N, C-alpha and C. Protein backbone atom coordinates (compact mmCIF):
# COMPACT_ATOMS: atom_id res chain seq x y z
N MET A 1 -70.25 36.91 35.48
CA MET A 1 -70.64 35.59 35.93
C MET A 1 -72.15 35.49 36.11
N ASP A 2 -72.81 36.58 36.49
CA ASP A 2 -74.25 36.52 36.72
C ASP A 2 -75.02 36.16 35.46
N TYR A 3 -74.49 36.56 34.30
CA TYR A 3 -75.19 36.28 33.05
C TYR A 3 -75.09 34.81 32.66
N SER A 4 -74.10 34.12 33.16
CA SER A 4 -73.86 32.78 32.65
C SER A 4 -73.87 31.67 33.70
N LYS A 5 -73.87 32.00 34.98
CA LYS A 5 -73.67 30.95 35.98
C LYS A 5 -74.76 29.89 35.96
N LYS A 6 -75.96 30.22 35.55
CA LYS A 6 -77.03 29.23 35.50
C LYS A 6 -76.96 28.37 34.24
N ASP A 7 -76.28 28.88 33.20
CA ASP A 7 -76.23 28.18 31.92
C ASP A 7 -74.98 27.33 31.75
N LEU A 8 -73.97 27.56 32.57
CA LEU A 8 -72.74 26.78 32.48
C LEU A 8 -72.78 25.62 33.46
N SER A 9 -72.03 24.59 33.13
CA SER A 9 -71.95 23.45 34.05
C SER A 9 -71.17 23.85 35.30
N ARG A 10 -71.27 23.00 36.29
CA ARG A 10 -70.54 23.27 37.54
C ARG A 10 -69.03 23.32 37.28
N ASP A 11 -68.53 22.41 36.46
CA ASP A 11 -67.11 22.39 36.13
C ASP A 11 -66.68 23.66 35.39
N GLU A 12 -67.52 24.12 34.46
CA GLU A 12 -67.19 25.34 33.72
C GLU A 12 -67.14 26.54 34.66
N ASN A 13 -68.13 26.64 35.55
CA ASN A 13 -68.14 27.74 36.52
C ASN A 13 -66.91 27.70 37.42
N GLN A 14 -66.58 26.53 37.91
CA GLN A 14 -65.43 26.39 38.79
C GLN A 14 -64.13 26.72 38.05
N GLY A 15 -64.03 26.29 36.80
CA GLY A 15 -62.84 26.58 36.01
C GLY A 15 -62.67 28.07 35.76
N LEU A 16 -63.78 28.74 35.47
CA LEU A 16 -63.72 30.18 35.24
C LEU A 16 -63.35 30.92 36.52
N LEU A 17 -63.96 30.54 37.62
CA LEU A 17 -63.62 31.17 38.90
C LEU A 17 -62.16 30.91 39.29
N ALA A 18 -61.67 29.72 39.00
CA ALA A 18 -60.27 29.40 39.29
C ALA A 18 -59.34 30.26 38.44
N ALA A 19 -59.67 30.43 37.16
CA ALA A 19 -58.83 31.25 36.28
C ALA A 19 -58.83 32.71 36.74
N ILE A 20 -59.97 33.21 37.14
CA ILE A 20 -60.04 34.60 37.64
C ILE A 20 -59.23 34.72 38.92
N GLY A 21 -59.33 33.74 39.80
CA GLY A 21 -58.54 33.76 41.04
C GLY A 21 -57.05 33.69 40.78
N GLU A 22 -56.64 32.87 39.82
CA GLU A 22 -55.22 32.77 39.48
C GLU A 22 -54.71 34.07 38.87
N TYR A 23 -55.55 34.71 38.05
CA TYR A 23 -55.16 36.02 37.51
C TYR A 23 -55.03 37.04 38.65
N HIS A 24 -55.99 37.03 39.54
CA HIS A 24 -55.96 37.96 40.67
C HIS A 24 -54.71 37.75 41.53
N GLY A 25 -54.26 36.53 41.63
CA GLY A 25 -53.05 36.21 42.39
C GLY A 25 -51.77 36.36 41.58
N SER A 26 -51.88 36.92 40.38
CA SER A 26 -50.73 37.14 39.48
C SER A 26 -50.04 35.84 39.07
N LEU A 27 -50.80 34.75 39.00
CA LEU A 27 -50.24 33.47 38.59
C LEU A 27 -50.35 33.22 37.10
N ILE A 28 -51.35 33.83 36.46
CA ILE A 28 -51.55 33.68 35.02
C ILE A 28 -51.84 35.06 34.43
N PRO A 29 -51.62 35.23 33.12
CA PRO A 29 -51.92 36.52 32.49
C PRO A 29 -53.43 36.70 32.27
N LEU A 30 -53.84 37.92 32.05
CA LEU A 30 -55.25 38.27 31.85
C LEU A 30 -55.87 37.54 30.66
N ILE A 31 -55.07 37.20 29.68
CA ILE A 31 -55.61 36.55 28.48
C ILE A 31 -56.29 35.22 28.81
N SER A 32 -55.84 34.52 29.83
CA SER A 32 -56.43 33.21 30.16
C SER A 32 -57.89 33.30 30.58
N PRO A 33 -58.24 34.07 31.60
CA PRO A 33 -59.67 34.17 31.92
C PRO A 33 -60.46 34.87 30.83
N ALA A 34 -59.84 35.79 30.12
CA ALA A 34 -60.55 36.49 29.03
C ALA A 34 -60.92 35.53 27.92
N MET A 35 -60.03 34.60 27.59
CA MET A 35 -60.33 33.62 26.54
C MET A 35 -61.45 32.67 27.00
N LEU A 36 -61.44 32.28 28.26
CA LEU A 36 -62.53 31.44 28.77
C LEU A 36 -63.86 32.18 28.68
N LEU A 37 -63.86 33.44 29.08
CA LEU A 37 -65.09 34.23 28.99
C LEU A 37 -65.58 34.31 27.56
N ASN A 38 -64.68 34.57 26.62
CA ASN A 38 -65.07 34.64 25.20
C ASN A 38 -65.64 33.32 24.72
N ARG A 39 -65.06 32.21 25.14
CA ARG A 39 -65.56 30.89 24.74
C ARG A 39 -66.99 30.68 25.24
N TYR A 40 -67.23 31.05 26.50
CA TYR A 40 -68.57 30.86 27.07
C TYR A 40 -69.59 31.83 26.48
N VAL A 41 -69.16 33.02 26.14
CA VAL A 41 -70.06 33.98 25.48
C VAL A 41 -70.51 33.42 24.13
N ARG A 42 -69.59 32.84 23.37
CA ARG A 42 -69.96 32.24 22.09
C ARG A 42 -70.85 31.02 22.31
N LYS A 43 -70.54 30.21 23.29
CA LYS A 43 -71.33 29.00 23.57
C LYS A 43 -72.76 29.35 23.95
N LEU A 44 -72.92 30.36 24.80
CA LEU A 44 -74.24 30.71 25.31
C LEU A 44 -75.01 31.64 24.39
N ASP A 45 -74.31 32.25 23.44
CA ASP A 45 -74.93 33.13 22.45
C ASP A 45 -75.81 34.20 23.11
N GLN A 46 -75.22 34.93 24.06
CA GLN A 46 -75.94 35.99 24.74
C GLN A 46 -75.59 37.34 24.11
N PRO A 47 -76.56 37.99 23.46
CA PRO A 47 -76.30 39.23 22.72
C PRO A 47 -75.65 40.33 23.55
N TYR A 48 -76.07 40.51 24.78
CA TYR A 48 -75.51 41.57 25.61
C TYR A 48 -74.01 41.35 25.82
N LEU A 49 -73.63 40.13 26.12
CA LEU A 49 -72.23 39.84 26.35
C LEU A 49 -71.42 39.90 25.06
N LYS A 50 -72.02 39.51 23.94
CA LYS A 50 -71.32 39.54 22.66
C LYS A 50 -70.90 40.96 22.26
N GLN A 51 -71.65 41.96 22.68
CA GLN A 51 -71.35 43.32 22.27
C GLN A 51 -70.42 44.05 23.23
N GLN A 52 -69.94 43.39 24.26
CA GLN A 52 -69.06 44.04 25.22
C GLN A 52 -67.72 44.36 24.58
N PHE A 53 -67.33 45.61 24.61
CA PHE A 53 -66.11 46.08 23.97
C PHE A 53 -64.87 45.43 24.55
N TYR A 54 -64.84 45.22 25.83
CA TYR A 54 -63.65 44.67 26.47
C TYR A 54 -63.32 43.27 25.95
N LEU A 55 -64.34 42.48 25.66
CA LEU A 55 -64.12 41.13 25.16
C LEU A 55 -63.87 41.10 23.66
N ASN A 56 -64.21 42.17 22.97
CA ASN A 56 -64.05 42.23 21.51
C ASN A 56 -63.53 43.60 21.09
N PRO A 57 -62.28 43.92 21.45
CA PRO A 57 -61.75 45.24 21.10
C PRO A 57 -61.59 45.39 19.58
N ASN A 58 -61.73 46.60 19.14
CA ASN A 58 -61.57 46.90 17.73
C ASN A 58 -60.73 48.15 17.62
N PRO A 59 -59.66 48.19 16.93
CA PRO A 59 -59.13 47.20 16.00
C PRO A 59 -58.50 46.01 16.70
N ALA A 60 -58.25 44.97 15.92
CA ALA A 60 -57.74 43.71 16.47
C ALA A 60 -56.40 43.89 17.18
N GLU A 61 -55.65 44.91 16.80
CA GLU A 61 -54.35 45.14 17.42
C GLU A 61 -54.46 45.45 18.92
N LEU A 62 -55.65 45.81 19.38
CA LEU A 62 -55.84 46.15 20.78
C LEU A 62 -56.18 44.92 21.64
N LYS A 63 -56.31 43.76 21.01
CA LYS A 63 -56.64 42.57 21.77
C LYS A 63 -55.58 42.26 22.80
N LEU A 64 -55.99 41.56 23.84
CA LEU A 64 -55.10 41.21 24.92
C LEU A 64 -54.01 40.27 24.45
N ARG A 65 -52.80 40.51 24.90
CA ARG A 65 -51.67 39.67 24.53
C ARG A 65 -50.91 39.26 25.78
N ASN A 66 -50.14 38.20 25.62
CA ASN A 66 -49.23 37.78 26.69
C ASN A 66 -47.94 38.56 26.52
N HIS A 67 -47.63 39.42 27.46
CA HIS A 67 -46.38 40.17 27.42
C HIS A 67 -45.45 39.65 28.49
N VAL A 68 -44.22 39.50 28.12
CA VAL A 68 -43.22 39.02 29.08
C VAL A 68 -42.41 40.18 29.59
């Protein structure tokens, strides 16, 4: 959040924090806040965040999935 909080709108920041809180409370799967983070990383075009392995696992089969 520190890398992006100044560059995102108030609504975007609140939405991301809400998604992280809902994940923490076991209300939504990890993929939801992870997808929001990926969207904002692409929007802000921050090289450091783009190279983070957790947000871009390789091979693609390791990407986060919704498991029931």
